Amino acid sequence: LAISPGAVYLSRYFIHETLFVFFTLGIVVAAVWFYEERNTSYLIAGTVSAALLFATKETAMISVGVLIIALACTLLYVWLYRKAIAPAGGKPGARSSAGRLETVLNEMGGKPSVVVAAIIAFLTFVGVYALFYSSFFQNSSGLYDSLKTFAIWTKTGTAAHVHPPSQYIKWLFKQEGPLLFLGAAGAAFVVLKPRNSLALFCALWSFGLIAAYSLIPYKTPWLLLNFVVPLALIAGYAIQAIYVMDRRQLRLVSALLVVSTSISVYQCIDLNFKNYDNDSSYYVYVYAHTKRNMLDMVKEIDRIAKEESGGTTGISIMSPDYWPMPWYLRN
């Protein structure tokens, strides 16, 4: 993940996606710790992450929907798999689902504690959501606008940046090939032998997101960052699974790691330090960026400004489309 060309590239300029993916991961991490520790404080942390996710971008509906579906499918698939491989008559002493649920509730302090925690979590979500959408209680209409945005986005999602359903796979193959290959391998391993529920969830999370976003006509390269994080997790599981299957495969594992990281490092350096403004079809993350030779014009303007009145020099821009000139001429 640290050497993903897209993760590094998109972290270098101001865009929603880095925050958006961070808060999505925050929900998953809080849920995992909640499951492991049975501590209701992680429930609060998860709802704060969810509220910040919705406060960041309206596509939170898609990400949360995929997380819920991935969790439900994980639980169902693991249950069916265990049932299929269980000996006839079942395991002696196996507890019912109701019994397991009661045990979990007791581990969290009993039903009253769980209900109180759920109410606090809900109020926390509403409070954080209202705080940001009202601009810290300075704009009451912001709450209404936060709901109205979904109607606007449904139009944008079918009219702007329209690409075919296979576009995200093509983009991933070009710039995130190692993650796509190892992620697919990890998903295959865990589906065939679901020994690790979290790995199965990450596989469903990553490829569920790819499927969900692929169905929407609107497609932009920065949305790939949503896939990169879960793909990195399941790619790591692929390496582990190969090693665990046969420890004599250490050379194969080492070769896979060397090749995949070498490709990613090369692409990361090539994109971020050499071709960061090359908008050819190969560099998919470069999307409507300013060319670096525009800096020659900025230098010429600076030279003229110094001869005139410095920072108070007036500049008239005739084109109605003037961004990103305010940034380059900020002095």
Protein backbone atom coordinates (compact mmCIF):
# COMPACT_ATOMS: atom_id res chain seq x y z
CA LEU A 1 0.00 0.00 0.00
CA ALA A 2 2.90 2.36 0.82
CA ILE A 3 4.33 1.93 -2.68
CA SER A 4 1.05 1.85 -4.61
CA PRO A 5 1.46 4.35 -7.49
CA GLY A 6 -2.11 5.60 -7.06
CA ALA A 7 -2.08 5.80 -3.25
CA VAL A 8 1.07 7.96 -3.35
CA TYR A 9 -0.13 10.03 -6.32
CA LEU A 10 -3.54 10.85 -4.85
CA SER A 11 -2.02 11.65 -1.46
CA ARG A 12 -0.01 14.46 -3.02
CA TYR A 13 -2.88 16.80 -3.81
CA PHE A 14 -6.11 17.98 -2.26
CA ILE A 15 -8.90 15.48 -2.95
CA HIS A 16 -11.63 13.80 -0.93
CA GLU A 17 -10.59 10.24 -1.71
CA THR A 18 -7.66 9.88 0.71
CA LEU A 19 -9.80 10.95 3.67
CA PHE A 20 -12.73 8.93 2.35
CA VAL A 21 -10.74 5.69 2.16
CA PHE A 22 -9.17 6.36 5.57
CA PHE A 23 -12.58 6.64 7.23
CA THR A 24 -13.81 3.52 5.41
CA LEU A 25 -10.83 1.61 6.79
CA GLY A 26 -11.59 3.15 10.19
CA ILE A 27 -15.01 1.50 10.20
CA VAL A 28 -13.48 -1.90 9.40
CA VAL A 29 -10.71 -1.61 12.01
CA ALA A 30 -13.18 -0.53 14.70
CA ALA A 31 -15.48 -3.44 13.78
CA VAL A 32 -12.63 -5.95 13.99
CA TRP A 33 -11.56 -4.71 17.42
CA PHE A 34 -15.19 -4.65 18.54
CA TYR A 35 -15.49 -8.31 17.54
CA GLU A 36 -12.17 -9.27 19.16
CA GLU A 37 -12.51 -7.36 22.43
CA ARG A 38 -16.32 -7.20 22.83
CA ASN A 39 -15.72 -3.61 23.96
CA THR A 40 -18.57 -1.22 23.12
CA SER A 41 -16.19 1.76 22.95
CA TYR A 42 -15.10 0.47 19.53
CA LEU A 43 -18.72 0.78 18.46
CA ILE A 44 -18.48 4.53 19.13
CA ALA A 45 -15.20 4.73 17.18
CA GLY A 46 -16.85 2.95 14.26
CA THR A 47 -19.83 5.32 14.19
CA VAL A 48 -17.53 8.36 14.32
CA SER A 49 -15.66 6.96 11.29
CA ALA A 50 -18.99 6.33 9.54
CA ALA A 51 -20.21 9.87 10.25
CA LEU A 52 -16.96 11.36 8.94
CA LEU A 53 -17.23 9.10 5.88
CA PHE A 54 -20.69 10.50 5.08
CA ALA A 55 -19.47 14.03 5.82
CA THR A 56 -16.66 13.59 3.29
CA LYS A 57 -18.46 12.40 0.18
CA GLU A 58 -21.91 11.27 -0.94
CA THR A 59 -20.57 7.97 -2.33
CA ALA A 60 -20.42 6.80 1.30
CA MET A 61 -23.72 5.07 0.57
CA ILE A 62 -21.94 2.76 -1.87
CA SER A 63 -19.01 1.96 0.42
CA VAL A 64 -21.18 1.30 3.49
CA GLY A 65 -23.59 -0.79 1.40
CA VAL A 66 -20.71 -2.94 0.13
CA LEU A 67 -19.29 -3.34 3.65
CA ILE A 68 -22.67 -4.57 4.95
CA ILE A 69 -23.15 -6.97 2.03
CA ALA A 70 -19.56 -8.25 2.37
CA LEU A 71 -20.09 -8.90 6.09
CA ALA A 72 -23.40 -10.71 5.51
CA CYS A 73 -21.92 -12.84 2.72
CA THR A 74 -18.87 -13.67 4.86
CA LEU A 75 -20.99 -14.89 7.74
CA LEU A 76 -23.27 -16.89 5.45
CA TYR A 77 -20.44 -18.43 3.41
CA VAL A 78 -18.43 -19.46 6.48
CA TRP A 79 -21.55 -20.99 8.05
CA LEU A 80 -22.39 -22.96 4.89
CA TYR A 81 -18.77 -24.11 4.48
CA ARG A 82 -18.52 -25.34 8.07
CA LYS A 83 -21.87 -27.07 7.75
CA ALA A 84 -20.74 -28.78 4.53
CA ILE A 85 -17.51 -30.17 6.01
CA ALA A 86 -19.00 -31.07 9.42
CA PRO A 87 -19.40 -34.83 10.06
CA ALA A 88 -22.88 -36.36 9.85
CA GLY A 89 -24.97 -35.59 12.91
CA GLY A 90 -23.02 -32.43 13.67
CA LYS A 91 -20.49 -31.77 16.37
CA PRO A 92 -21.45 -32.95 19.86
CA GLY A 93 -22.29 -30.12 22.17
CA ALA A 94 -22.69 -27.57 19.37
CA ARG A 95 -24.52 -24.52 20.59
CA SER A 96 -27.46 -22.91 18.86
CA SER A 97 -27.22 -19.46 17.25
CA ALA A 98 -29.40 -18.07 20.04
CA GLY A 99 -26.99 -19.48 22.63
CA ARG A 100 -23.97 -17.93 20.92
CA LEU A 101 -25.74 -14.58 20.67
CA GLU A 102 -26.55 -14.64 24.38
CA THR A 103 -22.91 -15.40 25.17
CA VAL A 104 -21.72 -12.47 23.06
CA LEU A 105 -24.22 -10.12 24.73
CA ASN A 106 -23.02 -11.23 28.16
CA GLU A 107 -19.40 -10.62 27.12
CA MET A 108 -20.38 -7.04 26.25
CA GLY A 109 -21.99 -6.43 29.66
CA GLY A 110 -25.49 -7.69 28.99
CA LYS A 111 -28.42 -6.41 26.95
CA PRO A 112 -28.84 -3.09 28.86
CA SER A 113 -25.19 -2.14 28.22
CA VAL A 114 -25.50 -3.02 24.53
CA VAL A 115 -28.70 -0.98 24.15
CA VAL A 116 -27.12 2.05 25.87
CA ALA A 117 -24.00 1.73 23.70
CA ALA A 118 -26.16 1.52 20.56
CA ILE A 119 -28.10 4.67 21.53
CA ILE A 120 -24.86 6.56 22.29
CA ALA A 121 -23.39 5.38 18.98
CA PHE A 122 -26.46 6.58 17.08
CA LEU A 123 -26.43 9.98 18.79
CA THR A 124 -22.70 10.27 18.14
CA PHE A 125 -23.26 9.60 14.43
CA VAL A 126 -26.01 12.21 14.22
CA GLY A 127 -23.97 14.73 16.21
CA VAL A 128 -20.82 14.42 14.09
CA TYR A 129 -22.86 14.39 10.87
CA ALA A 130 -24.73 17.55 11.90
CA LEU A 131 -21.55 19.25 13.12
CA PHE A 132 -19.83 19.05 9.75
CA TYR A 133 -22.80 19.51 7.43
CA SER A 134 -23.97 22.58 9.35
CA SER A 135 -20.43 24.05 9.14
CA PHE A 136 -20.10 23.81 12.92
CA PHE A 137 -23.72 24.96 13.43
CA GLN A 138 -23.27 28.07 11.26
CA ASN A 139 -25.33 26.83 8.30
CA SER A 140 -28.60 25.11 9.18
CA SER A 141 -29.54 24.54 5.51
CA GLY A 142 -26.45 22.37 5.16
CA LEU A 143 -28.26 19.42 6.72
CA TYR A 144 -30.98 19.60 4.08
CA ASP A 145 -28.38 20.06 1.35
CA SER A 146 -26.57 16.93 2.57
CA LEU A 147 -29.66 14.91 1.62
CA LYS A 148 -30.35 16.85 -1.55
CA THR A 149 -26.88 16.00 -2.84
CA PHE A 150 -27.93 12.38 -3.46
CA ALA A 151 -30.49 13.56 -6.02
CA ILE A 152 -27.83 15.65 -7.74
CA TRP A 153 -25.33 12.80 -7.70
CA THR A 154 -27.76 10.37 -9.35
CA LYS A 155 -27.75 12.71 -12.38
CA THR A 156 -23.99 13.26 -12.33
CA GLY A 157 -23.40 9.53 -11.98
CA THR A 158 -24.96 8.84 -15.36
CA ALA A 159 -23.92 11.92 -17.34
CA ALA A 160 -20.31 12.84 -16.49
CA HIS A 161 -17.05 10.90 -16.97
CA VAL A 162 -18.90 8.01 -18.63
CA HIS A 163 -16.82 4.86 -19.26
CA PRO A 164 -17.64 1.18 -20.01
CA PRO A 165 -18.10 -1.31 -17.11
CA SER A 166 -14.65 -2.86 -17.64
CA GLN A 167 -12.79 0.44 -17.27
CA TYR A 168 -11.72 0.03 -13.64
CA ILE A 169 -10.22 -3.41 -14.31
CA LYS A 170 -8.26 -1.95 -17.24
CA TRP A 171 -7.02 0.95 -15.12
CA LEU A 172 -6.02 -1.36 -12.26
CA PHE A 173 -4.19 -3.66 -14.66
CA LYS A 174 -2.16 -0.77 -16.05
CA GLN A 175 -1.14 0.96 -12.81
CA GLU A 176 -1.90 -1.46 -9.96
CA GLY A 177 -1.12 -4.78 -11.66
CA PRO A 178 0.65 -6.49 -8.71
CA LEU A 179 -2.20 -5.64 -6.33
CA LEU A 180 -4.83 -6.81 -8.82
CA PHE A 181 -3.02 -10.10 -9.55
CA LEU A 182 -2.18 -10.96 -5.93
CA GLY A 183 -5.58 -9.70 -4.75
CA ALA A 184 -7.36 -12.02 -7.18
CA ALA A 185 -5.13 -14.91 -6.07
CA GLY A 186 -5.83 -14.19 -2.40
CA ALA A 187 -9.57 -14.02 -3.09
CA ALA A 188 -9.42 -17.40 -4.87
CA PHE A 189 -7.52 -18.99 -1.96
CA VAL A 190 -9.90 -17.74 0.71
CA VAL A 191 -13.07 -18.57 -1.25
CA LEU A 192 -11.91 -22.15 -1.85
CA LYS A 193 -10.76 -22.58 1.77
CA PRO A 194 -12.33 -19.91 4.00
CA ARG A 195 -10.09 -20.45 7.00
CA ASN A 196 -9.74 -16.73 7.68
CA SER A 197 -13.01 -14.81 7.96
CA LEU A 198 -11.33 -11.40 7.82
CA ALA A 199 -9.47 -12.30 4.62
CA LEU A 200 -12.74 -13.51 3.07
CA PHE A 201 -14.39 -10.23 4.10
CA CYS A 202 -11.54 -8.20 2.53
CA ALA A 203 -11.88 -10.19 -0.70
CA LEU A 204 -15.62 -9.51 -0.84
CA TRP A 205 -15.02 -5.88 0.15
CA SER A 206 -12.47 -5.21 -2.59
CA PHE A 207 -14.14 -7.01 -5.49
CA GLY A 208 -17.59 -5.95 -4.27
CA LEU A 209 -16.51 -2.32 -4.52
CA ILE A 210 -15.06 -2.89 -7.99
CA ALA A 211 -18.35 -4.47 -9.10
CA ALA A 212 -20.50 -1.75 -7.53
CA TYR A 213 -18.55 1.15 -9.02
CA SER A 214 -18.26 -0.62 -12.38
CA LEU A 215 -22.05 -0.72 -12.68
CA ILE A 216 -22.19 3.08 -12.44
CA PRO A 217 -21.42 4.89 -15.76
CA TYR A 218 -19.48 7.63 -13.88
CA LYS A 219 -15.84 6.52 -13.57
CA THR A 220 -12.76 8.50 -12.54
CA PRO A 221 -9.23 7.27 -11.71
CA TRP A 222 -9.23 8.62 -8.15
CA LEU A 223 -12.02 6.19 -7.26
CA LEU A 224 -9.43 3.40 -7.71
CA LEU A 225 -8.07 4.29 -4.27
CA ASN A 226 -11.22 2.71 -2.77
CA PHE A 227 -10.13 -0.64 -4.27
CA VAL A 228 -6.41 -0.32 -3.53
CA VAL A 229 -6.67 -0.60 0.27
CA PRO A 230 -8.69 -3.86 0.50
CA LEU A 231 -6.74 -5.27 -2.47
CA ALA A 232 -3.50 -4.63 -0.57
CA LEU A 233 -4.88 -6.54 2.43
CA ILE A 234 -6.03 -9.56 0.45
CA ALA A 235 -2.80 -9.48 -1.61
CA GLY A 236 -0.89 -9.84 1.66
CA TYR A 237 -3.08 -12.80 2.53
CA ALA A 238 -2.20 -14.42 -0.83
CA ILE A 239 1.50 -14.31 0.03
CA GLN A 240 0.79 -15.79 3.46
CA ALA A 241 -1.49 -18.52 2.04
CA ILE A 242 1.15 -19.69 -0.45
CA TYR A 243 3.74 -19.92 2.32
CA VAL A 244 1.42 -21.73 4.75
CA MET A 245 0.40 -24.31 2.13
CA ASP A 246 3.99 -25.48 1.80
CA ARG A 247 6.83 -23.85 3.74
CA ARG A 248 9.23 -25.13 1.12
CA GLN A 249 7.71 -22.51 -1.18
CA LEU A 250 9.77 -19.79 0.52
CA ARG A 251 11.68 -19.16 -2.70
CA LEU A 252 8.42 -18.73 -4.62
CA VAL A 253 7.06 -16.38 -1.96
CA SER A 254 10.28 -14.37 -1.96
CA ALA A 255 10.25 -14.16 -5.76
CA LEU A 256 6.63 -13.00 -5.76
CA LEU A 257 7.40 -10.32 -3.18
CA VAL A 258 10.50 -9.11 -5.02
CA VAL A 259 8.79 -9.00 -8.42
CA SER A 260 5.56 -7.38 -7.20
CA THR A 261 7.26 -4.76 -5.04
CA SER A 262 9.82 -4.00 -7.77
CA ILE A 263 7.07 -3.36 -10.30
CA SER A 264 5.14 -1.19 -7.85
CA VAL A 265 8.21 0.81 -6.80
CA TYR A 266 9.19 1.42 -10.43
CA GLN A 267 5.64 2.50 -11.38
CA CYS A 268 5.37 4.63 -8.23
CA ILE A 269 8.59 6.55 -8.98
CA ASP A 270 7.82 6.77 -12.69
CA LEU A 271 4.34 8.21 -12.09
CA ASN A 272 5.01 10.48 -9.13
CA PHE A 273 8.39 11.95 -10.05
CA LYS A 274 8.74 11.66 -13.81
CA ASN A 275 5.38 11.43 -15.60
CA TYR A 276 3.08 13.14 -13.10
CA ASP A 277 1.57 15.29 -15.88
CA ASN A 278 1.69 12.75 -18.72
CA ASP A 279 -1.94 12.19 -19.69
CA SER A 280 -1.32 9.31 -22.09
CA SER A 281 -3.62 6.31 -21.74
CA TYR A 282 -1.02 4.38 -19.72
CA TYR A 283 -0.81 6.90 -16.86
CA VAL A 284 -4.45 6.56 -15.84
CA TYR A 285 -4.14 8.66 -12.65
CA VAL A 286 -3.11 11.73 -14.65
CA TYR A 287 -6.56 13.08 -15.35
CA ALA A 288 -6.94 16.67 -16.67
CA HIS A 289 -3.76 17.88 -14.97
CA THR A 290 -1.86 21.05 -15.76
CA LYS A 291 1.26 20.53 -17.88
CA ARG A 292 4.55 21.45 -16.24
CA ASN A 293 5.60 23.79 -19.08
CA MET A 294 2.94 26.18 -17.81
CA LEU A 295 5.49 27.04 -15.13
CA ASP A 296 7.51 28.82 -17.84
CA MET A 297 4.63 31.27 -18.23
CA VAL A 298 4.44 31.71 -14.46
CA LYS A 299 8.17 32.52 -14.34
CA GLU A 300 7.73 35.07 -17.13
CA ILE A 301 4.84 36.70 -15.25
CA ASP A 302 6.97 36.83 -12.09
CA ARG A 303 9.80 38.46 -14.05
CA ILE A 304 7.48 41.14 -15.43
CA ALA A 305 5.87 41.68 -12.03
CA LYS A 306 9.25 42.38 -10.42
CA GLU A 307 9.90 45.08 -13.03
CA GLU A 308 6.51 46.65 -12.34
CA SER A 309 5.05 46.71 -8.83
CA GLY A 310 5.80 43.23 -7.47
CA GLY A 311 3.03 41.48 -5.56
CA THR A 312 0.50 44.21 -6.29
CA THR A 313 0.73 43.76 -10.06
CA GLY A 314 -2.76 43.36 -11.56
CA ILE A 315 -3.49 40.49 -13.92
CA SER A 316 -6.49 40.22 -16.25
CA ILE A 317 -7.52 36.73 -17.35
CA MET A 318 -9.85 36.74 -20.34
CA SER A 319 -10.88 33.09 -20.28
CA PRO A 320 -13.93 32.24 -18.11
CA ASP A 321 -12.14 28.97 -17.22
CA TYR A 322 -9.28 30.33 -15.12
CA TRP A 323 -8.35 27.54 -12.69
CA PRO A 324 -5.66 26.70 -11.61
CA MET A 325 -4.29 30.19 -12.31
CA PRO A 326 -5.19 31.56 -8.83
CA TRP A 327 -2.87 28.94 -7.31
CA TYR A 328 0.08 29.57 -9.62
CA LEU A 329 -0.33 33.33 -9.33
CA ARG A 330 -0.94 33.33 -5.58
CA ASN A 331 2.06 35.62 -4.97
